[in-house]
Each structure stands twice: as C-alpha cells, then as structure tokens.
Protein backbone atom coordinates (compact mmCIF):
# COMPACT_ATOMS: atom_id res chain seq x y z
CA UNK A 1 126.43 67.07 140.64
CA UNK A 2 128.46 70.24 140.38
CA UNK A 3 127.16 72.87 137.86
CA UNK A 4 130.16 72.39 135.83
CA UNK A 5 129.37 68.72 135.72
CA UNK A 6 125.89 69.54 134.89
CA UNK A 7 126.86 71.88 132.07
CA UNK A 8 129.43 68.89 130.83
CA UNK A 9 126.53 66.35 130.62
CA UNK A 10 124.56 68.73 128.59
CA UNK A 11 127.42 69.26 126.23
CA UNK A 12 127.96 65.44 125.95
CA UNK A 13 124.32 64.87 125.55
CA UNK A 14 124.02 67.54 122.48
CA UNK A 15 126.95 65.66 120.62
CA UNK A 16 125.48 61.86 121.42
CA UNK A 17 122.17 63.23 120.14
CA UNK A 18 123.61 63.84 116.97
CA UNK A 19 123.35 60.07 116.15
CA UNK A 20 126.66 59.81 114.40
CA UNK A 21 128.64 56.64 114.11
CA UNK A 22 130.70 55.62 117.18
CA UNK A 23 134.23 56.75 116.10
CA UNK A 24 132.71 60.33 115.20
CA UNK A 25 130.54 60.57 118.42
CA UNK A 26 133.96 59.92 120.14
CA UNK A 27 135.64 62.79 118.36
CA UNK A 28 132.68 65.11 119.10
CA UNK A 29 132.78 63.92 122.85
CA UNK A 30 136.30 64.47 122.86
CA UNK A 31 136.24 68.39 121.83
CA UNK A 32 132.97 68.77 124.39
CA UNK A 33 135.07 67.53 127.10
CA UNK A 34 138.22 69.17 126.72
CA UNK A 35 137.27 72.59 128.01
CA UNK A 36 135.85 71.25 131.28
CA UNK A 37 139.17 69.61 132.13
CA UNK A 38 140.42 73.05 133.36
CA UNK A 39 137.47 73.64 135.59
CA UNK A 40 138.92 73.46 139.11
CA UNK A 41 135.25 72.55 140.60
CA UNK A 42 134.40 69.79 138.23
CA UNK A 43 134.46 67.38 140.93
CA UNK A 44 133.48 67.61 144.70
CA UNK A 45 136.24 66.52 147.20
CA UNK A 46 134.63 62.77 147.62
CA UNK A 47 134.85 62.37 143.93
CA UNK A 48 138.87 62.73 143.96
CA UNK A 49 139.20 60.29 146.93
CA UNK A 50 141.52 57.30 145.58
CA UNK A 51 141.63 53.58 147.21
CA UNK A 52 145.24 52.12 148.11
CA UNK A 53 144.05 48.63 146.53
CA UNK A 54 143.15 49.60 143.11
CA UNK A 55 142.04 52.64 140.94
CA UNK A 56 138.77 53.71 142.18
CA UNK A 57 135.75 54.43 140.12
CA UNK A 58 133.46 57.55 140.74
CA UNK A 59 129.87 57.25 138.65
CA UNK A 60 129.38 60.90 138.08
CA UNK A 61 126.18 60.85 135.70
CA UNK A 62 124.33 58.28 133.82
CA UNK A 63 122.26 59.96 131.32
CA UNK A 64 118.53 58.72 131.83
CA UNK A 65 118.24 56.76 128.46
CA UNK A 66 121.64 55.00 128.95
CA UNK A 67 123.35 56.37 125.88
CA UNK A 68 126.24 57.54 127.75
CA UNK A 69 128.04 57.84 131.52
CA UNK A 70 130.54 60.10 133.13
CA UNK A 71 133.16 58.50 135.26
CA UNK A 72 135.94 59.76 137.33
CA UNK A 73 138.62 57.21 137.76
CA UNK A 74 141.28 57.89 140.78
CA UNK A 75 144.45 56.52 140.29
CA UNK A 76 147.42 56.35 143.08
CA UNK A 77 150.95 55.92 141.98
CA UNK A 78 151.64 52.60 140.39
CA UNK A 79 147.95 51.62 140.00
CA UNK A 80 146.98 50.37 136.40
CA UNK A 81 144.22 48.38 134.54
CA UNK A 82 144.67 45.08 133.00
CA UNK A 83 145.02 45.07 129.40
CA UNK A 84 141.46 45.36 127.98
CA UNK A 85 138.93 46.42 125.57
CA UNK A 86 135.32 48.30 125.93
CA UNK A 87 131.51 47.47 125.35
CA UNK A 88 131.49 50.98 123.39
CA UNK A 89 133.16 53.93 122.44
CA UNK A 90 135.15 55.87 125.04
CA UNK A 91 136.64 59.09 125.42
CA UNK A 92 139.00 59.91 128.29
CA UNK A 93 140.65 63.36 129.52
CA UNK A 94 143.17 63.71 132.33
CA UNK A 95 141.95 66.12 135.01
CA UNK A 96 144.99 65.96 137.36
CA UNK A 97 148.07 63.70 137.19
CA UNK A 98 149.79 61.90 134.54
CA UNK A 99 148.52 58.76 132.91
CA UNK A 100 150.53 56.39 130.60
CA UNK A 101 148.55 54.29 127.94
CA UNK A 102 149.68 51.22 125.92
CA UNK A 103 147.26 50.17 123.04
CA UNK A 104 147.51 46.80 121.54
CA UNK A 105 146.51 44.68 118.47
CA UNK A 106 145.78 41.10 118.03
CA UNK A 107 148.15 39.40 115.56
CA UNK A 108 148.19 35.97 115.15
CA UNK A 109 146.46 34.84 118.49
CA UNK A 110 148.71 37.38 120.30
CA UNK A 111 148.87 40.77 121.70
CA UNK A 112 151.25 43.11 119.99
CA UNK A 113 152.13 46.70 121.27
CA UNK A 114 150.68 49.01 118.78
CA UNK A 115 151.66 52.05 120.67
CA UNK A 116 151.98 54.40 123.68
CA UNK A 117 151.22 57.67 125.06
CA UNK A 118 151.81 59.71 128.15
CA UNK A 119 148.78 62.12 128.90
CA UNK A 120 149.05 65.21 130.63
CA UNK A 121 146.16 67.39 132.18
CA UNK A 122 144.08 68.45 129.35
CA UNK A 123 145.08 65.85 127.22
CA UNK A 124 141.88 63.79 125.51
CA UNK A 125 141.78 60.71 123.54
CA UNK A 126 139.12 58.22 122.42
CA UNK A 127 138.41 55.22 120.58
CA UNK A 128 135.62 52.92 119.63
CA UNK A 129 135.66 49.00 119.14
CA UNK A 130 137.18 47.13 117.76
CA UNK A 131 140.72 48.33 117.97
CA UNK A 132 140.35 49.67 121.57
CA UNK A 133 142.63 47.21 123.47
CA UNK A 134 144.78 48.80 126.00
CA UNK A 135 146.48 49.25 129.27
CA UNK A 136 146.11 52.38 131.25
CA UNK A 137 148.21 53.52 134.56
CA UNK A 138 149.17 56.23 136.84
CA UNK A 139 152.43 57.21 135.47
CA UNK A 140 153.01 59.73 137.96
CA UNK A 141 154.46 60.02 141.65
CA UNK A 142 151.19 61.46 142.59
CA UNK A 143 147.42 60.84 142.49
CA UNK A 144 145.96 61.12 138.97
CA UNK A 145 142.29 61.71 137.95
CA UNK A 146 140.90 61.16 134.51
CA UNK A 147 137.33 61.73 133.28
CA UNK A 148 135.87 58.82 131.15
CA UNK A 149 132.59 59.06 129.02
CA UNK A 150 131.41 55.80 127.66
CA UNK A 151 128.51 55.24 125.43
CA UNK A 152 126.92 52.45 127.78
CA UNK A 153 124.97 52.52 130.98
CA UNK A 154 127.75 52.20 133.43
CA UNK A 155 125.18 51.99 136.48
CA UNK A 156 123.65 48.82 135.02
CA UNK A 157 126.93 47.30 133.52
CA UNK A 158 129.24 48.27 136.32
CA UNK A 159 132.12 48.71 134.25
CA UNK A 160 132.89 49.50 130.71
CA UNK A 161 135.12 46.66 130.28
CA UNK A 162 134.25 44.04 127.61
CA UNK A 163 137.05 41.52 128.46
CA UNK A 164 140.46 41.35 129.87
CA UNK A 165 143.34 39.93 127.82
CA UNK A 166 145.72 37.23 129.11
CA UNK A 167 147.29 36.29 125.81
CA UNK A 168 150.92 35.50 125.14
CA UNK A 169 152.87 38.70 124.21
CA UNK A 170 154.48 38.77 120.86
CA UNK A 171 157.40 40.99 120.06
CA UNK A 172 156.23 44.36 118.74
C-alpha cells in the first residue's frame, strides 16, 4: 500500500469503529475519503490499469476484522455495471475521469428511475441498503477511476453486489 492509502485506511478505521448505524457510518466515511481523492500518489501504477472487456476491480485494503474494504474500480469508456444493490453500506469517490450514476426504486415489481448524477473528480457519495439500487458507468471519453469503500470483507465475498436486477422498466 502507498503511504496515502495507509493513511486513508486509518481514517476509515477511526470512523467505522464509532459503531454508528450504516447510513451514518457512510456519511462519516465520505468525509474521511474526500481529501484523499486529491492525492496524486494514492494508487500505484498497476492499480490504475483497466481491462478492455469489463471494468476492473483492484482490492487495495481489507481490514483484518473484515469490517471494511477499500477497492479501486477502473472503468474504460463505455463500461458500466448492471443495475445492482449491495451487501452493505458503500461510499464511492471519483479519483479520475467522470462517472454517471442512475439510482432506482422498486415500485409495483418494476424498476423506476429515481435519480441520476454525473460525478467529477473529488466528488463522493454513499448509501446503505435498502435503497441502494443503481447502475454506474464511465460517462467520459477517457479512463475513470473511483475509490469504493464497503462495509464488508470483499476478499471473502469477491464483490459487494448482493444481486443484479433484470426487472421490466416502468416509466419514471
């Protein structure tokens, strides 16, 4: 880990150990992450490499007690997630490039677009289940990198995704 990543893990550890409810923990972790998004040496060169077939996940740190994980996601232009939700609270911050997020709600067994945002470098957001259904994509013409912090042990789970959705879309 870089020294900045070690500092980030310490800042997150401090917030997670407060033992707050999931939504409040997410807010605390957002504030802990924000200043590190401007650190040019947060990631090593190999942690900035994408995959031409799909966005790529680089696990940067897993807390020994499994209480949180830090992951870098590298997105090439046009790459996106399926519509999905998560196993735990999640905080994301854009490190490089631009990401577009579409958030959804389930109404009458249909996904309904509930909102969207275009996130620039330095912007953070977070959420906790329920109410965490979304799709994320690289909205730019160059590589995008985002830092994701999950309240789960990604080394064991492999991913923070609880389930993907393929429900009929209702009009917004």
